[in-house]
Amino acid sequence: MPKFHPLPVLIFLIFSIVLIAVASYVNQNAQNKNIKNFFHGSGNIFSPKENTEEKIAKLITNTIKSQSGRWAVYVKDLNRSQTYEINTQEIFPSASLYKLAVMYKTYDELENGRIQKDTSVSGNKTELDSTLQGLQNKEELNDREQEVISYNVSEALRLMITVSDNYSALTLAQYLGWQQIDGLMEKEGFANIDLVSQDSPTVSAKAVGDLLEKIYSNKAVSANASEEMKQLLFAQKINDRIPEYLPNYAKVGHKTGELDGVRHDAGIVYGKNSNYIFVFLTDTKDPIGATEQIAQLAKTFFEELERQ
């Protein structure tokens, strides 16, 4: 019969006891640490994280401070009713953003049966050019004095919004009456959209944002009128600003505006996680740079907002 040696068994037992003791010690320390963290916080284990609202607000402020000229930015998360803004009550030359007011008034007239979509609107080209300050040669003005430009209301709306055509906008505005359009803007709560005062037309970012939100909410004139206004905005052909760097899934209905030194864009943006109002107004000596900056800012804001 083989001889039994107790030493290996003893070594095994001692090793097992040591392992159990070590495991028990580690487990107890872990529990104590968890209890400590539970009552006293995690100390320096986790660094504080800046939330999206703070990040976007800081980004807007820092970016605008670094720009030359005047800037105003209005961003609203429509699902969360969270607004980010800077200089939104400042008054800027409207450029083609006044066409939003003309569109609004046109649908008000259509809704009330005072005009029809096939109603003809027209204007003397010389007078229109004079309004636009596009012709300076008096002989040329006289030669073209009798030339008339005419549209039906539906076509004028399409051209005015989707390609920012000036003649269609002016013929509509003159037909409807500048004072009447301005009066509707004031009645609807957009007093800073001014079409009749000295140096007008002028706008503020907040007023434009409020008008777009009313369209978005189907409260502009009527639900049907609001929907048609949205469809015109979504058919915009000038897309070098807000939509430029947004992902393909984003849907943007917007209106641009530009004059010498002025670059604007304002629109409704549909994302995956929320929908937004973006308004950018600029008056700067670097309009080309402002165009690119608007596009970059829209991309940055959109990405941050979509992360929420």
C-alpha atoms as a PDB file:
ATOM      1  CA  MET A   1       0.000   0.000   0.000  1.00  0.00           C
ATOM      2  CA  PRO A   2       1.432   3.466  -1.029  1.00  0.00           C
ATOM      3  CA  LYS A   3       2.626   5.648   1.780  1.00  0.00           C
ATOM      4  CA  PHE A   4       0.486   8.801   2.429  1.00  0.00           C
ATOM      5  CA  HIS A   5       2.368  12.150   2.614  1.00  0.00           C
ATOM      6  CA  PRO A   6       0.354  14.892   4.403  1.00  0.00           C
ATOM      7  CA  LEU A   7       2.647  17.780   3.363  1.00  0.00           C
ATOM      8  CA  PRO A   8       1.166  18.451  -0.113  1.00  0.00           C
ATOM      9  CA  VAL A   9      -2.332  18.367   1.345  1.00  0.00           C
ATOM     10  CA  LEU A  10      -1.295  20.810   4.045  1.00  0.00           C
ATOM     11  CA  ILE A  11       0.273  23.168   1.479  1.00  0.00           C
ATOM     12  CA  PHE A  12      -2.911  23.024  -0.609  1.00  0.00           C
ATOM     13  CA  LEU A  13      -5.086  23.842   2.394  1.00  0.00           C
ATOM     14  CA  ILE A  14      -2.888  26.766   3.425  1.00  0.00           C
ATOM     15  CA  PHE A  15      -2.893  28.157  -0.138  1.00  0.00           C
ATOM     16  CA  SER A  16      -6.690  27.882  -0.327  1.00  0.00           C
ATOM     17  CA  ILE A  17      -7.125  29.668   2.994  1.00  0.00           C
ATOM     18  CA  VAL A  18      -4.823  32.505   1.817  1.00  0.00           C
ATOM     19  CA  LEU A  19      -6.792  32.870  -1.432  1.00  0.00           C
ATOM     20  CA  ILE A  20     -10.097  33.021   0.437  1.00  0.00           C
ATOM     21  CA  ALA A  21      -8.714  35.629   2.833  1.00  0.00           C
ATOM     22  CA  VAL A  22      -7.390  37.818  -0.008  1.00  0.00           C
ATOM     23  CA  ALA A  23     -10.684  37.598  -1.902  1.00  0.00           C
ATOM     24  CA  SER A  24     -12.626  38.503   1.228  1.00  0.00           C
ATOM     25  CA  TYR A  25     -10.371  41.501   1.878  1.00  0.00           C
ATOM     26  CA  VAL A  26     -10.706  42.824  -1.701  1.00  0.00           C
ATOM     27  CA  ASN A  27     -14.482  42.379  -1.656  1.00  0.00           C
ATOM     28  CA  GLN A  28     -14.785  44.161   1.695  1.00  0.00           C
ATOM     29  CA  ASN A  29     -12.710  47.113   0.437  1.00  0.00           C
ATOM     30  CA  ALA A  30     -14.821  47.379  -2.682  1.00  0.00           C
ATOM     31  CA  GLN A  31     -18.003  47.437  -0.617  1.00  0.00           C
ATOM     32  CA  ASN A  32     -16.580  50.041   1.731  1.00  0.00           C
ATOM     33  CA  LYS A  33     -15.542  52.164  -1.265  1.00  0.00           C
ATOM     34  CA  ASN A  34     -19.005  51.924  -2.780  1.00  0.00           C
ATOM     35  CA  ILE A  35     -20.586  52.854   0.540  1.00  0.00           C
ATOM     36  CA  LYS A  36     -18.214  55.784   0.870  1.00  0.00           C
ATOM     37  CA  ASN A  37     -18.985  56.952  -2.665  1.00  0.00           C
ATOM     38  CA  PHE A  38     -22.691  56.509  -2.038  1.00  0.00           C
ATOM     39  CA  PHE A  39     -22.619  58.798   0.980  1.00  0.00           C
ATOM     40  CA  HIS A  40     -19.812  61.181   0.001  1.00  0.00           C
ATOM     41  CA  GLY A  41     -19.972  61.265  -3.788  1.00  0.00           C
ATOM     42  CA  SER A  42     -17.474  59.947  -6.243  1.00  0.00           C
ATOM     43  CA  GLY A  43     -14.799  62.513  -5.485  1.00  0.00           C
ATOM     44  CA  ASN A  44     -12.470  62.864  -8.446  1.00  0.00           C
ATOM     45  CA  ILE A  45     -13.497  59.621 -10.124  1.00  0.00           C
ATOM     46  CA  PHE A  46     -15.798  61.497 -12.562  1.00  0.00           C
ATOM     47  CA  SER A  47     -15.085  64.957 -13.975  1.00  0.00           C
ATOM     48  CA  PRO A  48     -18.075  67.333 -14.338  1.00  0.00           C
ATOM     49  CA  LYS A  49     -19.614  67.304 -17.825  1.00  0.00           C
ATOM     50  CA  GLU A  50     -20.833  70.496 -19.468  1.00  0.00           C
ATOM     51  CA  ASN A  51     -24.430  70.010 -20.578  1.00  0.00           C
ATOM     52  CA  THR A  52     -25.656  70.728 -24.104  1.00  0.00           C
ATOM     53  CA  GLU A  53     -27.536  73.896 -23.157  1.00  0.00           C
ATOM     54  CA  GLU A  54     -24.456  75.447 -21.561  1.00  0.00           C
ATOM     55  CA  LYS A  55     -22.252  74.315 -24.430  1.00  0.00           C
ATOM     56  CA  ILE A  56     -24.439  75.866 -27.146  1.00  0.00           C
ATOM     57  CA  ALA A  57     -25.001  79.095 -25.190  1.00  0.00           C
ATOM     58  CA  LYS A  58     -21.249  79.461 -24.656  1.00  0.00           C
ATOM     59  CA  LEU A  59     -20.528  78.587 -28.288  1.00  0.00           C
ATOM     60  CA  ILE A  60     -22.945  81.242 -29.571  1.00  0.00           C
ATOM     61  CA  THR A  61     -21.528  83.919 -27.275  1.00  0.00           C
ATOM     62  CA  ASN A  62     -17.881  83.141 -27.988  1.00  0.00           C
ATOM     63  CA  THR A  63     -18.420  82.818 -31.734  1.00  0.00           C
ATOM     64  CA  ILE A  64     -20.294  86.084 -32.077  1.00  0.00           C
ATOM     65  CA  LYS A  65     -17.687  87.930 -30.018  1.00  0.00           C
ATOM     66  CA  SER A  66     -15.009  86.716 -32.425  1.00  0.00           C
ATOM     67  CA  GLN A  67     -16.824  87.953 -35.547  1.00  0.00           C
ATOM     68  CA  SER A  68     -16.315  91.283 -37.246  1.00  0.00           C
ATOM     69  CA  GLY A  69     -19.359  93.459 -37.801  1.00  0.00           C
ATOM     70  CA  ARG A  70     -22.775  92.849 -36.247  1.00  0.00           C
ATOM     71  CA  TRP A  71     -24.319  89.439 -35.671  1.00  0.00           C
ATOM     72  CA  ALA A  72     -27.561  88.173 -34.188  1.00  0.00           C
ATOM     73  CA  VAL A  73     -28.384  84.512 -33.613  1.00  0.00           C
ATOM     74  CA  TYR A  74     -31.664  82.951 -32.533  1.00  0.00           C
ATOM     75  CA  VAL A  75     -31.927  79.176 -32.093  1.00  0.00           C
ATOM     76  CA  LYS A  76     -34.944  77.410 -30.629  1.00  0.00           C
ATOM     77  CA  ASP A  77     -35.417  73.724 -29.874  1.00  0.00           C
ATOM     78  CA  LEU A  78     -39.126  73.446 -30.630  1.00  0.00           C
ATOM     79  CA  ASN A  79     -39.748  70.110 -28.899  1.00  0.00           C
ATOM     80  CA  ARG A  80     -38.047  71.178 -25.659  1.00  0.00           C
ATOM     81  CA  SER A  81     -38.974  74.894 -25.838  1.00  0.00           C
ATOM     82  CA  GLN A  82     -35.338  75.774 -25.167  1.00  0.00           C
ATOM     83  CA  THR A  83     -34.033  79.018 -26.698  1.00  0.00           C
ATOM     84  CA  TYR A  84     -30.458  80.161 -27.336  1.00  0.00           C
ATOM     85  CA  GLU A  85     -29.991  83.752 -28.453  1.00  0.00           C
ATOM     86  CA  ILE A  86     -27.715  86.742 -28.717  1.00  0.00           C
ATOM     87  CA  ASN A  87     -28.506  90.257 -29.984  1.00  0.00           C
ATOM     88  CA  THR A  88     -31.950  89.057 -31.039  1.00  0.00           C
ATOM     89  CA  GLN A  89     -33.658  92.430 -30.508  1.00  0.00           C
ATOM     90  CA  GLU A  90     -31.118  94.352 -32.579  1.00  0.00           C
ATOM     91  CA  ILE A  91     -32.445  95.820 -35.827  1.00  0.00           C
ATOM     92  CA  PHE A  92     -30.853  94.780 -39.124  1.00  0.00           C
ATOM     93  CA  PRO A  93     -31.548  95.610 -42.769  1.00  0.00           C
ATOM     94  CA  SER A  94     -33.948  92.856 -43.769  1.00  0.00           C
ATOM     95  CA  ALA A  95     -32.563  92.199 -47.252  1.00  0.00           C
ATOM     96  CA  SER A  96     -34.875  89.529 -48.729  1.00  0.00           C
ATOM     97  CA  LEU A  97     -36.263  88.433 -45.364  1.00  0.00           C
ATOM     98  CA  TYR A  98     -39.032  91.012 -45.879  1.00  0.00           C
ATOM     99  CA  LYS A  99     -40.425  88.487 -48.376  1.00  0.00           C
ATOM    100  CA  LEU A 100     -41.548  86.332 -45.446  1.00  0.00           C
ATOM    101  CA  ALA A 101     -43.893  89.152 -44.443  1.00  0.00           C
ATOM    102  CA  VAL A 102     -45.156  89.518 -48.020  1.00  0.00           C
ATOM    103  CA  MET A 103     -45.827  85.771 -48.170  1.00  0.00           C
ATOM    104  CA  TYR A 104     -47.671  85.894 -44.839  1.00  0.00           C
ATOM    105  CA  LYS A 105     -49.889  88.779 -45.995  1.00  0.00           C
ATOM    106  CA  THR A 106     -50.552  87.099 -49.356  1.00  0.00           C
ATOM    107  CA  TYR A 107     -51.926  84.019 -47.619  1.00  0.00           C
ATOM    108  CA  ASP A 108     -53.984  86.219 -45.323  1.00  0.00           C
ATOM    109  CA  GLU A 109     -55.590  87.779 -48.414  1.00  0.00           C
ATOM    110  CA  LEU A 110     -56.109  84.357 -50.027  1.00  0.00           C
ATOM    111  CA  GLU A 111     -57.653  82.950 -46.861  1.00  0.00           C
ATOM    112  CA  ASN A 112     -60.122  85.821 -46.661  1.00  0.00           C
ATOM    113  CA  GLY A 113     -61.055  85.569 -50.333  1.00  0.00           C
ATOM    114  CA  ARG A 114     -59.811  89.035 -51.259  1.00  0.00           C
ATOM    115  CA  ILE A 115     -57.505  87.598 -53.926  1.00  0.00           C
ATOM    116  CA  GLN A 116     -57.185  84.272 -55.736  1.00  0.00           C
ATOM    117  CA  LYS A 117     -54.128  82.284 -56.732  1.00  0.00           C
ATOM    118  CA  ASP A 118     -54.742  83.159 -60.371  1.00  0.00           C
ATOM    119  CA  THR A 119     -55.130  86.882 -59.626  1.00  0.00           C
ATOM    120  CA  SER A 120     -52.717  88.868 -61.791  1.00  0.00           C
ATOM    121  CA  VAL A 121     -50.202  91.232 -60.197  1.00  0.00           C
ATOM    122  CA  SER A 122     -47.998  93.470 -62.295  1.00  0.00           C
ATOM    123  CA  GLY A 123     -45.585  96.373 -62.128  1.00  0.00           C
ATOM    124  CA  ASN A 124     -43.812  98.856 -64.329  1.00  0.00           C
ATOM    125  CA  LYS A 125     -40.277  97.581 -64.731  1.00  0.00           C
ATOM    126  CA  THR A 126     -38.800 101.061 -64.548  1.00  0.00           C
ATOM    127  CA  GLU A 127     -40.485 101.714 -61.236  1.00  0.00           C
ATOM    128  CA  LEU A 128     -39.487  98.310 -59.924  1.00  0.00           C
ATOM    129  CA  ASP A 129     -35.878  98.902 -60.958  1.00  0.00           C
ATOM    130  CA  SER A 130     -35.971 102.297 -59.320  1.00  0.00           C
ATOM    131  CA  THR A 131     -37.180 100.664 -56.106  1.00  0.00           C
ATOM    132  CA  LEU A 132     -34.355  98.175 -56.323  1.00  0.00           C
ATOM    133  CA  GLN A 133     -31.896 100.965 -57.271  1.00  0.00           C
ATOM    134  CA  GLY A 134     -30.771  98.793 -60.112  1.00  0.00           C
ATOM    135  CA  LEU A 135     -30.836 101.326 -62.974  1.00  0.00           C
ATOM    136  CA  GLN A 136     -29.050 104.658 -62.867  1.00  0.00           C
ATOM    137  CA  ASN A 137     -29.002 105.652 -66.562  1.00  0.00           C
ATOM    138  CA  LYS A 138     -31.933 108.000 -67.244  1.00  0.00           C
ATOM    139  CA  GLU A 139     -31.986 107.252 -70.978  1.00  0.00           C
ATOM    140  CA  GLU A 140     -32.292 103.543 -70.227  1.00  0.00           C
ATOM    141  CA  LEU A 141     -35.090 104.287 -67.773  1.00  0.00           C
ATOM    142  CA  ASN A 142     -37.014 106.239 -70.413  1.00  0.00           C
ATOM    143  CA  ASP A 143     -36.512 103.547 -73.043  1.00  0.00           C
ATOM    144  CA  ARG A 144     -37.984 100.906 -70.739  1.00  0.00           C
ATOM    145  CA  GLU A 145     -40.675 103.088 -69.244  1.00  0.00           C
ATOM    146  CA  GLN A 146     -43.581 101.157 -70.704  1.00  0.00           C
ATOM    147  CA  GLU A 147     -42.303  97.631 -69.982  1.00  0.00           C
ATOM    148  CA  VAL A 148     -44.632  95.780 -67.639  1.00  0.00           C
ATOM    149  CA  ILE A 149     -43.882  92.635 -65.624  1.00  0.00           C
ATOM    150  CA  SER A 150     -46.840  90.455 -64.690  1.00  0.00           C
ATOM    151  CA  TYR A 151     -47.396  87.268 -62.649  1.00  0.00           C
ATOM    152  CA  ASN A 152     -50.281  85.416 -61.141  1.00  0.00           C
ATOM    153  CA  VAL A 153     -50.232  85.244 -57.348  1.00  0.00           C
ATOM    154  CA  SER A 154     -49.246  81.572 -57.198  1.00  0.00           C
ATOM    155  CA  GLU A 155     -46.244  82.073 -59.503  1.00  0.00           C
ATOM    156  CA  ALA A 156     -45.175  85.248 -57.727  1.00  0.00           C
ATOM    157  CA  LEU A 157     -45.162  83.410 -54.386  1.00  0.00           C
ATOM    158  CA  ARG A 158     -43.081  80.552 -55.776  1.00  0.00           C
ATOM    159  CA  LEU A 159     -40.472  82.794 -57.405  1.00  0.00           C
ATOM    160  CA  MET A 160     -40.294  85.192 -54.458  1.00  0.00           C
ATOM    161  CA  ILE A 161     -39.528  82.464 -51.915  1.00  0.00           C
ATOM    162  CA  THR A 162     -37.739  79.656 -53.752  1.00  0.00           C
ATOM    163  CA  VAL A 163     -35.315  81.757 -55.831  1.00  0.00           C
ATOM    164  CA  SER A 164     -35.726  85.098 -54.012  1.00  0.00           C
ATOM    165  CA  ASP A 165     -36.928  86.858 -57.167  1.00  0.00           C
ATOM    166  CA  ASN A 166     -37.217  90.587 -56.524  1.00  0.00           C
ATOM    167  CA  TYR A 167     -39.692  91.603 -59.219  1.00  0.00           C
ATOM    168  CA  SER A 168     -42.317  89.086 -58.103  1.00  0.00           C
ATOM    169  CA  ALA A 169     -41.876  90.183 -54.471  1.00  0.00           C
ATOM    170  CA  LEU A 170     -42.243  93.864 -55.300  1.00  0.00           C
ATOM    171  CA  THR A 171     -45.278  93.401 -57.548  1.00  0.00           C
ATOM    172  CA  LEU A 172     -46.986  91.399 -54.801  1.00  0.00           C
ATOM    173  CA  ALA A 173     -46.041  93.913 -52.102  1.00  0.00           C
ATOM    174  CA  GLN A 174     -47.233  96.865 -54.139  1.00  0.00           C
ATOM    175  CA  TYR A 175     -50.485  95.093 -54.961  1.00  0.00           C
ATOM    176  CA  LEU A 176     -51.131  94.253 -51.305  1.00  0.00           C
ATOM    177  CA  GLY A 177     -49.844  97.564 -49.965  1.00  0.00           C
ATOM    178  CA  TRP A 178     -46.733  98.056 -47.850  1.00  0.00           C
ATOM    179  CA  GLN A 179     -48.720  99.705 -45.048  1.00  0.00           C
ATOM    180  CA  GLN A 180     -51.180  96.816 -44.981  1.00  0.00           C
ATOM    181  CA  ILE A 181     -48.406  94.214 -44.819  1.00  0.00           C
ATOM    182  CA  ASP A 182     -46.690  96.153 -42.040  1.00  0.00           C
ATOM    183  CA  GLY A 183     -49.968  96.471 -40.156  1.00  0.00           C
ATOM    184  CA  LEU A 184     -50.499  92.707 -40.260  1.00  0.00           C
ATOM    185  CA  MET A 185     -46.989  92.112 -38.931  1.00  0.00           C
ATOM    186  CA  GLU A 186     -47.687  94.387 -35.971  1.00  0.00           C
ATOM    187  CA  LYS A 187     -51.075  92.767 -35.360  1.00  0.00           C
ATOM    188  CA  GLU A 188     -49.508  89.298 -35.370  1.00  0.00           C
ATOM    189  CA  GLY A 189     -46.862  90.331 -32.831  1.00  0.00           C
ATOM    190  CA  PHE A 190     -43.906  90.867 -35.176  1.00  0.00           C
ATOM    191  CA  ALA A 191     -43.472  94.609 -34.606  1.00  0.00           C
ATOM    192  CA  ASN A 192     -39.737  94.447 -35.355  1.00  0.00           C
ATOM    193  CA  ILE A 193     -40.501  93.421 -38.921  1.00  0.00           C
ATOM    194  CA  ASP A 194     -40.790  96.985 -40.197  1.00  0.00           C
ATOM    195  CA  LEU A 195     -41.644  97.691 -43.842  1.00  0.00           C
ATOM    196  CA  VAL A 196     -42.615 101.374 -43.770  1.00  0.00           C
ATOM    197  CA  SER A 197     -40.366 103.382 -41.444  1.00  0.00           C
ATOM    198  CA  GLN A 198     -37.265 105.276 -42.518  1.00  0.00           C
ATOM    199  CA  ASP A 199     -34.464 102.920 -43.589  1.00  0.00           C
ATOM    200  CA  SER A 200     -36.955 100.039 -43.785  1.00  0.00           C
ATOM    201  CA  PRO A 201     -37.377  97.208 -44.453  1.00  0.00           C
ATOM    202  CA  THR A 202     -35.736  96.059 -41.252  1.00  0.00           C
ATOM    203  CA  VAL A 203     -36.056  93.020 -38.982  1.00  0.00           C
ATOM    204  CA  SER A 204     -34.824  91.525 -35.722  1.00  0.00           C
ATOM    205  CA  ALA A 205     -33.801  87.899 -35.289  1.00  0.00           C
ATOM    206  CA  LYS A 206     -36.449  87.333 -32.616  1.00  0.00           C
ATOM    207  CA  ALA A 207     -39.273  88.684 -34.787  1.00  0.00           C
ATOM    208  CA  VAL A 208     -38.245  86.494 -37.729  1.00  0.00           C
ATOM    209  CA  GLY A 209     -37.926  83.487 -35.426  1.00  0.00           C
ATOM    210  CA  ASP A 210     -41.396  84.100 -33.993  1.00  0.00           C
ATOM    211  CA  LEU A 211     -42.911  84.357 -37.485  1.00  0.00           C
ATOM    212  CA  LEU A 212     -41.297  81.074 -38.545  1.00  0.00           C
ATOM    213  CA  GLU A 213     -42.462  79.346 -35.377  1.00  0.00           C
ATOM    214  CA  LYS A 214     -46.014  80.443 -36.074  1.00  0.00           C
ATOM    215  CA  ILE A 215     -45.778  78.919 -39.547  1.00  0.00           C
ATOM    216  CA  TYR A 216     -44.257  75.747 -38.085  1.00  0.00           C
ATOM    217  CA  SER A 217     -47.078  75.474 -35.529  1.00  0.00           C
ATOM    218  CA  ASN A 218     -49.754  75.859 -38.246  1.00  0.00           C
ATOM    219  CA  LYS A 219     -50.954  79.082 -36.602  1.00  0.00           C
ATOM    220  CA  ALA A 220     -49.987  81.466 -39.414  1.00  0.00           C
ATOM    221  CA  VAL A 221     -53.307  82.544 -40.986  1.00  0.00           C
ATOM    222  CA  SER A 222     -54.643  78.945 -40.947  1.00  0.00           C
ATOM    223  CA  ALA A 223     -53.355  75.375 -40.786  1.00  0.00           C
ATOM    224  CA  ASN A 224     -53.706  75.014 -44.564  1.00  0.00           C
ATOM    225  CA  ALA A 225     -52.028  78.364 -45.268  1.00  0.00           C
ATOM    226  CA  SER A 226     -49.197  77.495 -42.854  1.00  0.00           C
ATOM    227  CA  GLU A 227     -48.656  74.170 -44.584  1.00  0.00           C
ATOM    228  CA  GLU A 228     -48.420  75.838 -47.994  1.00  0.00           C
ATOM    229  CA  MET A 229     -45.966  78.406 -46.633  1.00  0.00           C
ATOM    230  CA  LYS A 230     -43.821  75.584 -45.275  1.00  0.00           C
ATOM    231  CA  GLN A 231     -43.809  73.836 -48.619  1.00  0.00           C
ATOM    232  CA  LEU A 232     -42.558  77.015 -50.306  1.00  0.00           C
ATOM    233  CA  LEU A 233     -39.796  77.378 -47.720  1.00  0.00           C
ATOM    234  CA  PHE A 234     -38.775  73.728 -48.109  1.00  0.00           C
ATOM    235  CA  ALA A 235     -38.488  74.277 -51.875  1.00  0.00           C
ATOM    236  CA  GLN A 236     -35.764  76.934 -51.364  1.00  0.00           C
ATOM    237  CA  LYS A 237     -33.049  76.758 -54.045  1.00  0.00           C
ATOM    238  CA  ILE A 238     -30.409  78.925 -52.337  1.00  0.00           C
ATOM    239  CA  ASN A 239     -28.818  76.491 -49.898  1.00  0.00           C
ATOM    240  CA  ASP A 240     -25.305  77.780 -49.161  1.00  0.00           C
ATOM    241  CA  ARG A 241     -26.008  78.649 -45.518  1.00  0.00           C
ATOM    242  CA  ILE A 242     -28.130  76.735 -42.984  1.00  0.00           C
ATOM    243  CA  PRO A 243     -28.507  73.507 -45.021  1.00  0.00           C
ATOM    244  CA  GLU A 244     -24.976  73.467 -46.465  1.00  0.00           C
ATOM    245  CA  TYR A 245     -23.350  71.023 -44.011  1.00  0.00           C
ATOM    246  CA  LEU A 246     -26.365  69.413 -42.387  1.00  0.00           C
ATOM    247  CA  PRO A 247     -26.870  65.637 -42.823  1.00  0.00           C
ATOM    248  CA  ASN A 248     -29.093  64.382 -45.622  1.00  0.00           C
ATOM    249  CA  TYR A 249     -31.854  63.389 -43.218  1.00  0.00           C
ATOM    250  CA  ALA A 250     -32.300  66.996 -42.032  1.00  0.00           C
ATOM    251  CA  LYS A 251     -35.158  68.842 -43.740  1.00  0.00           C
ATOM    252  CA  VAL A 252     -34.758  72.605 -44.001  1.00  0.00           C
ATOM    253  CA  GLY A 253     -37.349  75.210 -44.997  1.00  0.00           C
ATOM    254  CA  HIS A 254     -35.722  78.619 -45.042  1.00  0.00           C
ATOM    255  CA  LYS A 255     -35.326  82.057 -46.573  1.00  0.00           C
ATOM    256  CA  THR A 256     -32.034  83.776 -47.270  1.00  0.00           C
ATOM    257  CA  GLY A 257     -31.303  87.474 -47.515  1.00  0.00           C
ATOM    258  CA  GLU A 258     -28.355  89.391 -48.881  1.00  0.00           C
ATOM    259  CA  LEU A 259     -27.257  92.903 -49.735  1.00  0.00           C
ATOM    260  CA  ASP A 260     -23.803  94.483 -49.827  1.00  0.00           C
ATOM    261  CA  GLY A 261     -22.323  93.451 -46.493  1.00  0.00           C
ATOM    262  CA  VAL A 262     -25.495  91.658 -45.370  1.00  0.00           C
ATOM    263  CA  ARG A 263     -25.920  87.890 -45.244  1.00  0.00           C
ATOM    264  CA  HIS A 264     -28.931  86.348 -43.495  1.00  0.00           C
ATOM    265  CA  ASP A 265     -30.599  82.985 -43.295  1.00  0.00           C
ATOM    266  CA  ALA A 266     -33.655  81.964 -41.299  1.00  0.00           C
ATOM    267  CA  GLY A 267     -35.506  78.687 -41.313  1.00  0.00           C
ATOM    268  CA  ILE A 268     -37.289  75.708 -39.849  1.00  0.00           C
ATOM    269  CA  VAL A 269     -35.067  72.635 -39.427  1.00  0.00           C
ATOM    270  CA  TYR A 270     -36.429  69.115 -38.941  1.00  0.00           C
ATOM    271  CA  GLY A 271     -34.071  66.676 -37.220  1.00  0.00           C
ATOM    272  CA  LYS A 272     -34.388  63.125 -35.893  1.00  0.00           C
ATOM    273  CA  ASN A 273     -34.628  64.037 -32.215  1.00  0.00           C
ATOM    274  CA  SER A 274     -36.309  67.444 -32.425  1.00  0.00           C
ATOM    275  CA  ASN A 275     -37.206  70.332 -34.732  1.00  0.00           C
ATOM    276  CA  TYR A 276     -35.648  73.772 -34.594  1.00  0.00           C
ATOM    277  CA  ILE A 277     -35.806  77.419 -35.609  1.00  0.00           C
ATOM    278  CA  PHE A 278     -32.471  78.858 -36.789  1.00  0.00           C
ATOM    279  CA  VAL A 279     -32.062  82.582 -37.505  1.00  0.00           C
ATOM    280  CA  PHE A 280     -28.731  84.177 -38.430  1.00  0.00           C
ATOM    281  CA  LEU A 281     -28.487  87.911 -39.186  1.00  0.00           C
ATOM    282  CA  THR A 282     -25.178  89.519 -40.147  1.00  0.00           C
ATOM    283  CA  ASP A 283     -23.972  92.962 -41.195  1.00  0.00           C
ATOM    284  CA  THR A 284     -20.282  92.670 -41.948  1.00  0.00           C
ATOM    285  CA  LYS A 285     -17.428  93.733 -44.206  1.00  0.00           C
ATOM    286  CA  ASP A 286     -16.810  90.057 -44.961  1.00  0.00           C
ATOM    287  CA  PRO A 287     -20.127  88.726 -46.318  1.00  0.00           C
ATOM    288  CA  ILE A 288     -18.497  85.740 -48.021  1.00  0.00           C
ATOM    289  CA  GLY A 289     -16.901  84.734 -44.742  1.00  0.00           C
ATOM    290  CA  ALA A 290     -20.224  85.283 -42.976  1.00  0.00           C
ATOM    291  CA  THR A 291     -21.940  82.919 -45.413  1.00  0.00           C
ATOM    292  CA  GLU A 292     -19.462  80.159 -44.563  1.00  0.00           C
ATOM    293  CA  GLN A 293     -19.614  80.920 -40.847  1.00  0.00           C
ATOM    294  CA  ILE A 294     -23.413  80.621 -40.849  1.00  0.00           C
ATOM    295  CA  ALA A 295     -23.126  77.221 -42.526  1.00  0.00           C
ATOM    296  CA  GLN A 296     -20.539  76.027 -39.994  1.00  0.00           C
ATOM    297  CA  LEU A 297     -22.508  77.320 -37.012  1.00  0.00           C
ATOM    298  CA  ALA A 298     -25.717  75.689 -38.239  1.00  0.00           C
ATOM    299  CA  LYS A 299     -23.884  72.364 -38.479  1.00  0.00           C
ATOM    300  CA  THR A 300     -22.372  72.717 -34.996  1.00  0.00           C
ATOM    301  CA  PHE A 301     -25.640  73.753 -33.336  1.00  0.00           C
ATOM    302  CA  PHE A 302     -27.604  71.032 -35.102  1.00  0.00           C
ATOM    303  CA  GLU A 303     -25.172  68.281 -34.075  1.00  0.00           C
ATOM    304  CA  GLU A 304     -25.149  69.411 -30.450  1.00  0.00           C
ATOM    305  CA  LEU A 305     -28.928  69.707 -30.264  1.00  0.00           C
ATOM    306  CA  GLU A 306     -29.459  66.313 -31.863  1.00  0.00           C
ATOM    307  CA  ARG A 307     -27.266  64.688 -29.158  1.00  0.00           C
ATOM    308  CA  GLN A 308     -29.763  65.544 -26.420  1.00  0.00           C
END
